[in-house]
Amino acid sequence: MTGADVPAPELAVSQWFNTGEPLTLAALRGRPVLLHAFQMLCPGCVAHGTPQTQRAFELFKATDLQVIGLHTVFEHHAAMTPVSLQAFIHEYGLTFPIGVDAAGEGTPLPVTMSRYRMQGTPTSILIGRDGRIVHHGFGQQSDMALGAMIAAELAGAQTYAAKA
């Protein structure tokens, strides 16, 4: 699931932060969604991914873009509990909705991470208004490229696969 034009699987979230009610992609159909998968002990997530996602949340606040963080823990499970995540969210001033990816059964990989075939964290996924994946990027993403893809999706323009 690395290319564009693939239907986005539903999220599997065990707990939510920064939102009054659970979010589902089905309920968000018709709106573009920026999904940012991260771990609090991932240096790339802390240094680049979550700050970039917070900036996107603030920059596109007046649009119908829905920004969602997904804490997808695939290592150091004992250290990255929801209580620790709540402290992390507070300390880093993250205000966008954040879900805890549901634990996988019989595997260390969380459910949503497996559904999207993520390679690791950080991962940025842009889902179009039609519920299809527009961009699926692993690692540090260019602010300019990600912003351009979001703007194109908001404008309803034909999107492109930018080299991030």
C-alpha atoms as a PDB file:
ATOM      1  CA  MET A   1       0.000   0.000   0.000  1.00  0.00           C
ATOM      2  CA  THR A   2       2.591   2.497  -1.083  1.00  0.00           C
ATOM      3  CA  GLY A   3       1.015   4.061  -4.130  1.00  0.00           C
ATOM      4  CA  ALA A   4      -1.783   6.481  -4.717  1.00  0.00           C
ATOM      5  CA  ASP A   5      -5.356   5.589  -5.604  1.00  0.00           C
ATOM      6  CA  VAL A   6      -5.698   2.776  -3.065  1.00  0.00           C
ATOM      7  CA  PRO A   7      -8.724   2.740  -0.718  1.00  0.00           C
ATOM      8  CA  ALA A   8      -7.706   3.771   2.796  1.00  0.00           C
ATOM      9  CA  PRO A   9      -8.407   1.084   5.411  1.00  0.00           C
ATOM     10  CA  GLU A  10     -10.389   2.120   8.492  1.00  0.00           C
ATOM     11  CA  LEU A  11      -8.453   3.130  11.600  1.00  0.00           C
ATOM     12  CA  ALA A  12      -8.320   0.786  14.596  1.00  0.00           C
ATOM     13  CA  VAL A  13      -7.921   3.007  17.665  1.00  0.00           C
ATOM     14  CA  SER A  14      -8.103   1.933  21.306  1.00  0.00           C
ATOM     15  CA  GLN A  15      -8.034   5.427  22.870  1.00  0.00           C
ATOM     16  CA  TRP A  16      -8.304   9.045  21.695  1.00  0.00           C
ATOM     17  CA  PHE A  17      -6.724  12.296  22.890  1.00  0.00           C
ATOM     18  CA  ASN A  18      -7.574  15.901  21.904  1.00  0.00           C
ATOM     19  CA  THR A  19     -11.032  15.027  20.586  1.00  0.00           C
ATOM     20  CA  GLY A  20     -14.426  14.732  22.223  1.00  0.00           C
ATOM     21  CA  GLU A  21     -15.456  11.739  20.158  1.00  0.00           C
ATOM     22  CA  PRO A  22     -13.753   8.947  18.194  1.00  0.00           C
ATOM     23  CA  LEU A  23     -12.905   9.710  14.578  1.00  0.00           C
ATOM     24  CA  THR A  24     -13.504   7.294  11.709  1.00  0.00           C
ATOM     25  CA  LEU A  25     -12.550   7.574   8.080  1.00  0.00           C
ATOM     26  CA  ALA A  26     -16.085   6.560   7.135  1.00  0.00           C
ATOM     27  CA  ALA A  27     -17.469   9.596   8.985  1.00  0.00           C
ATOM     28  CA  LEU A  28     -14.784  11.832   7.440  1.00  0.00           C
ATOM     29  CA  ARG A  29     -15.528  10.797   3.826  1.00  0.00           C
ATOM     30  CA  GLY A  30     -15.720  13.927   1.719  1.00  0.00           C
ATOM     31  CA  ARG A  31     -12.897  15.600   3.656  1.00  0.00           C
ATOM     32  CA  PRO A  32      -9.174  15.183   3.050  1.00  0.00           C
ATOM     33  CA  VAL A  33      -7.339  13.537   5.956  1.00  0.00           C
ATOM     34  CA  LEU A  34      -3.673  13.839   6.932  1.00  0.00           C
ATOM     35  CA  LEU A  35      -2.748  10.791   9.008  1.00  0.00           C
ATOM     36  CA  HIS A  36       0.578  10.980  10.847  1.00  0.00           C
ATOM     37  CA  ALA A  37       1.845   7.746  12.431  1.00  0.00           C
ATOM     38  CA  PHE A  38       4.474   8.234  15.122  1.00  0.00           C
ATOM     39  CA  GLN A  39       6.077   6.867  18.277  1.00  0.00           C
ATOM     40  CA  MET A  40       7.154   9.105  21.154  1.00  0.00           C
ATOM     41  CA  LEU A  41      10.574   7.421  21.331  1.00  0.00           C
ATOM     42  CA  CYS A  42      11.231   7.835  17.593  1.00  0.00           C
ATOM     43  CA  PRO A  43      13.849  10.585  17.082  1.00  0.00           C
ATOM     44  CA  GLY A  44      12.582  11.436  13.572  1.00  0.00           C
ATOM     45  CA  CYS A  45       9.034  11.724  14.887  1.00  0.00           C
ATOM     46  CA  VAL A  46       9.995  14.012  17.747  1.00  0.00           C
ATOM     47  CA  ALA A  47      12.387  16.186  15.725  1.00  0.00           C
ATOM     48  CA  HIS A  48      10.418  16.447  12.504  1.00  0.00           C
ATOM     49  CA  GLY A  49       7.189  14.461  12.103  1.00  0.00           C
ATOM     50  CA  THR A  50       5.042  15.631  15.007  1.00  0.00           C
ATOM     51  CA  PRO A  51       6.147  19.296  14.735  1.00  0.00           C
ATOM     52  CA  GLN A  52       5.356  19.172  10.980  1.00  0.00           C
ATOM     53  CA  THR A  53       1.934  17.689  11.713  1.00  0.00           C
ATOM     54  CA  GLN A  54       1.213  20.357  14.342  1.00  0.00           C
ATOM     55  CA  ARG A  55       2.175  23.056  11.816  1.00  0.00           C
ATOM     56  CA  ALA A  56      -0.129  21.497   9.188  1.00  0.00           C
ATOM     57  CA  PHE A  57      -2.950  21.367  11.745  1.00  0.00           C
ATOM     58  CA  GLU A  58      -2.502  25.061  12.550  1.00  0.00           C
ATOM     59  CA  LEU A  59      -1.912  26.190   8.947  1.00  0.00           C
ATOM     60  CA  PHE A  60      -4.946  24.398   7.494  1.00  0.00           C
ATOM     61  CA  LYS A  61      -7.254  24.939  10.488  1.00  0.00           C
ATOM     62  CA  ALA A  62      -9.624  27.131   8.456  1.00  0.00           C
ATOM     63  CA  THR A  63     -10.087  24.392   5.813  1.00  0.00           C
ATOM     64  CA  ASP A  64     -11.862  21.055   5.977  1.00  0.00           C
ATOM     65  CA  LEU A  65      -8.596  19.089   6.253  1.00  0.00           C
ATOM     66  CA  GLN A  66      -8.767  16.653   9.184  1.00  0.00           C
ATOM     67  CA  VAL A  67      -5.383  16.052  10.789  1.00  0.00           C
ATOM     68  CA  ILE A  68      -5.045  12.856  12.834  1.00  0.00           C
ATOM     69  CA  GLY A  69      -2.053  11.607  14.781  1.00  0.00           C
ATOM     70  CA  LEU A  70      -1.698   7.863  15.292  1.00  0.00           C
ATOM     71  CA  HIS A  71       0.565   6.616  18.062  1.00  0.00           C
ATOM     72  CA  THR A  72       1.547   3.309  16.522  1.00  0.00           C
ATOM     73  CA  VAL A  73       3.812   1.413  18.888  1.00  0.00           C
ATOM     74  CA  PHE A  74       5.746  -1.495  17.428  1.00  0.00           C
ATOM     75  CA  GLU A  75       8.682  -1.525  19.869  1.00  0.00           C
ATOM     76  CA  HIS A  76       9.360  -0.593  23.509  1.00  0.00           C
ATOM     77  CA  HIS A  77       5.722  -1.360  24.324  1.00  0.00           C
ATOM     78  CA  ALA A  78       6.148  -1.131  28.114  1.00  0.00           C
ATOM     79  CA  ALA A  79       7.548   2.422  27.906  1.00  0.00           C
ATOM     80  CA  MET A  80       4.985   3.859  25.510  1.00  0.00           C
ATOM     81  CA  THR A  81       1.726   3.588  27.420  1.00  0.00           C
ATOM     82  CA  PRO A  82      -1.278   5.896  27.018  1.00  0.00           C
ATOM     83  CA  VAL A  83      -0.298   7.613  30.301  1.00  0.00           C
ATOM     84  CA  SER A  84       3.160   8.357  28.882  1.00  0.00           C
ATOM     85  CA  LEU A  85       1.576   9.494  25.616  1.00  0.00           C
ATOM     86  CA  GLN A  86      -0.707  11.915  27.469  1.00  0.00           C
ATOM     87  CA  ALA A  87       2.368  13.513  29.103  1.00  0.00           C
ATOM     88  CA  PHE A  88       4.140  13.628  25.710  1.00  0.00           C
ATOM     89  CA  ILE A  89       1.139  15.361  24.098  1.00  0.00           C
ATOM     90  CA  HIS A  90       1.096  17.955  26.878  1.00  0.00           C
ATOM     91  CA  GLU A  91       4.878  18.557  26.899  1.00  0.00           C
ATOM     92  CA  TYR A  92       5.096  18.973  23.117  1.00  0.00           C
ATOM     93  CA  GLY A  93       1.926  21.093  22.861  1.00  0.00           C
ATOM     94  CA  LEU A  94       0.200  18.803  20.371  1.00  0.00           C
ATOM     95  CA  THR A  95      -3.389  19.929  19.807  1.00  0.00           C
ATOM     96  CA  PHE A  96      -4.535  17.777  16.871  1.00  0.00           C
ATOM     97  CA  PRO A  97      -6.563  14.601  17.557  1.00  0.00           C
ATOM     98  CA  ILE A  98      -4.361  11.624  18.399  1.00  0.00           C
ATOM     99  CA  GLY A  99      -5.419   7.992  18.526  1.00  0.00           C
ATOM    100  CA  VAL A 100      -3.594   5.020  20.013  1.00  0.00           C
ATOM    101  CA  ASP A 101      -3.279   2.338  17.335  1.00  0.00           C
ATOM    102  CA  ALA A 102      -4.973  -0.848  18.594  1.00  0.00           C
ATOM    103  CA  ALA A 103      -2.652  -3.658  19.618  1.00  0.00           C
ATOM    104  CA  GLY A 104      -2.328  -6.460  17.110  1.00  0.00           C
ATOM    105  CA  GLU A 105      -3.346  -9.941  18.138  1.00  0.00           C
ATOM    106  CA  GLY A 106      -0.377 -12.289  18.308  1.00  0.00           C
ATOM    107  CA  THR A 107       1.950  -9.745  16.703  1.00  0.00           C
ATOM    108  CA  PRO A 108       3.923  -6.746  17.981  1.00  0.00           C
ATOM    109  CA  LEU A 109       2.567  -4.661  15.085  1.00  0.00           C
ATOM    110  CA  PRO A 110      -0.519  -2.554  15.793  1.00  0.00           C
ATOM    111  CA  VAL A 111      -3.645  -3.089  13.694  1.00  0.00           C
ATOM    112  CA  THR A 112      -3.691   0.146  11.659  1.00  0.00           C
ATOM    113  CA  MET A 113       0.046  -0.045  11.030  1.00  0.00           C
ATOM    114  CA  SER A 114      -0.467  -3.521   9.563  1.00  0.00           C
ATOM    115  CA  ARG A 115      -3.518  -2.480   7.526  1.00  0.00           C
ATOM    116  CA  TYR A 116      -1.541   0.327   5.895  1.00  0.00           C
ATOM    117  CA  ARG A 117       1.623  -1.776   5.538  1.00  0.00           C
ATOM    118  CA  MET A 118       3.674   0.951   7.189  1.00  0.00           C
ATOM    119  CA  GLN A 119       7.433   0.429   7.202  1.00  0.00           C
ATOM    120  CA  GLY A 120       7.897   2.295  10.479  1.00  0.00           C
ATOM    121  CA  THR A 121       7.631   5.785  11.894  1.00  0.00           C
ATOM    122  CA  PRO A 122       7.246   8.550  11.042  1.00  0.00           C
ATOM    123  CA  THR A 123       4.758   7.828   8.283  1.00  0.00           C
ATOM    124  CA  SER A 124       2.584  10.488   6.636  1.00  0.00           C
ATOM    125  CA  ILE A 125      -0.505   9.429   4.726  1.00  0.00           C
ATOM    126  CA  LEU A 126      -2.767  11.812   2.840  1.00  0.00           C
ATOM    127  CA  ILE A 127      -6.255  10.479   2.173  1.00  0.00           C
ATOM    128  CA  GLY A 128      -8.370  12.182  -0.460  1.00  0.00           C
ATOM    129  CA  ARG A 129     -11.975  13.259  -0.214  1.00  0.00           C
ATOM    130  CA  ASP A 130     -12.966  10.016  -1.952  1.00  0.00           C
ATOM    131  CA  GLY A 131     -11.322   7.886   0.754  1.00  0.00           C
ATOM    132  CA  ARG A 132      -8.383   6.846  -1.386  1.00  0.00           C
ATOM    133  CA  ILE A 133      -4.716   7.207  -0.474  1.00  0.00           C
ATOM    134  CA  VAL A 134      -3.129  10.151  -2.267  1.00  0.00           C
ATOM    135  CA  HIS A 135       0.296   9.911  -0.596  1.00  0.00           C
ATOM    136  CA  HIS A 136       1.952   7.278   1.622  1.00  0.00           C
ATOM    137  CA  GLY A 137       5.372   8.458   2.775  1.00  0.00           C
ATOM    138  CA  PHE A 138       7.787   6.832   5.220  1.00  0.00           C
ATOM    139  CA  GLY A 139      10.449   8.901   6.950  1.00  0.00           C
ATOM    140  CA  GLN A 140      10.997  12.633   6.881  1.00  0.00           C
ATOM    141  CA  GLN A 141       8.689  14.350   4.403  1.00  0.00           C
ATOM    142  CA  SER A 142       9.445  17.689   2.786  1.00  0.00           C
ATOM    143  CA  ASP A 143       7.295  20.491   4.219  1.00  0.00           C
ATOM    144  CA  MET A 144       6.969  21.989   0.744  1.00  0.00           C
ATOM    145  CA  ALA A 145       5.945  18.732  -0.949  1.00  0.00           C
ATOM    146  CA  LEU A 146       3.484  17.735   1.769  1.00  0.00           C
ATOM    147  CA  GLY A 147       1.983  21.237   1.860  1.00  0.00           C
ATOM    148  CA  ALA A 148       1.605  21.231  -1.932  1.00  0.00           C
ATOM    149  CA  MET A 149      -0.158  17.847  -1.881  1.00  0.00           C
ATOM    150  CA  ILE A 150      -2.513  19.008   0.883  1.00  0.00           C
ATOM    151  CA  ALA A 151      -3.264  22.256  -0.957  1.00  0.00           C
ATOM    152  CA  ALA A 152      -3.926  20.376  -4.198  1.00  0.00           C
ATOM    153  CA  GLU A 153      -6.301  17.982  -2.428  1.00  0.00           C
ATOM    154  CA  LEU A 154      -8.089  20.882  -0.731  1.00  0.00           C
ATOM    155  CA  ALA A 155      -8.471  22.608  -4.075  1.00  0.00           C
ATOM    156  CA  GLY A 156      -9.772  19.426  -5.682  1.00  0.00           C
ATOM    157  CA  ALA A 157      -6.938  19.512  -8.198  1.00  0.00           C
ATOM    158  CA  GLN A 158      -5.299  16.451  -9.670  1.00  0.00           C
ATOM    159  CA  THR A 159      -2.664  15.396  -7.150  1.00  0.00           C
ATOM    160  CA  TYR A 160       0.768  14.100  -7.998  1.00  0.00           C
ATOM    161  CA  ALA A 161       3.379  11.912  -6.379  1.00  0.00           C
ATOM    162  CA  ALA A 162       6.022  14.352  -5.205  1.00  0.00           C
ATOM    163  CA  LYS A 163       9.469  13.148  -4.262  1.00  0.00           C
ATOM    164  CA  ALA A 164       9.509  13.904  -0.558  1.00  0.00           C
END
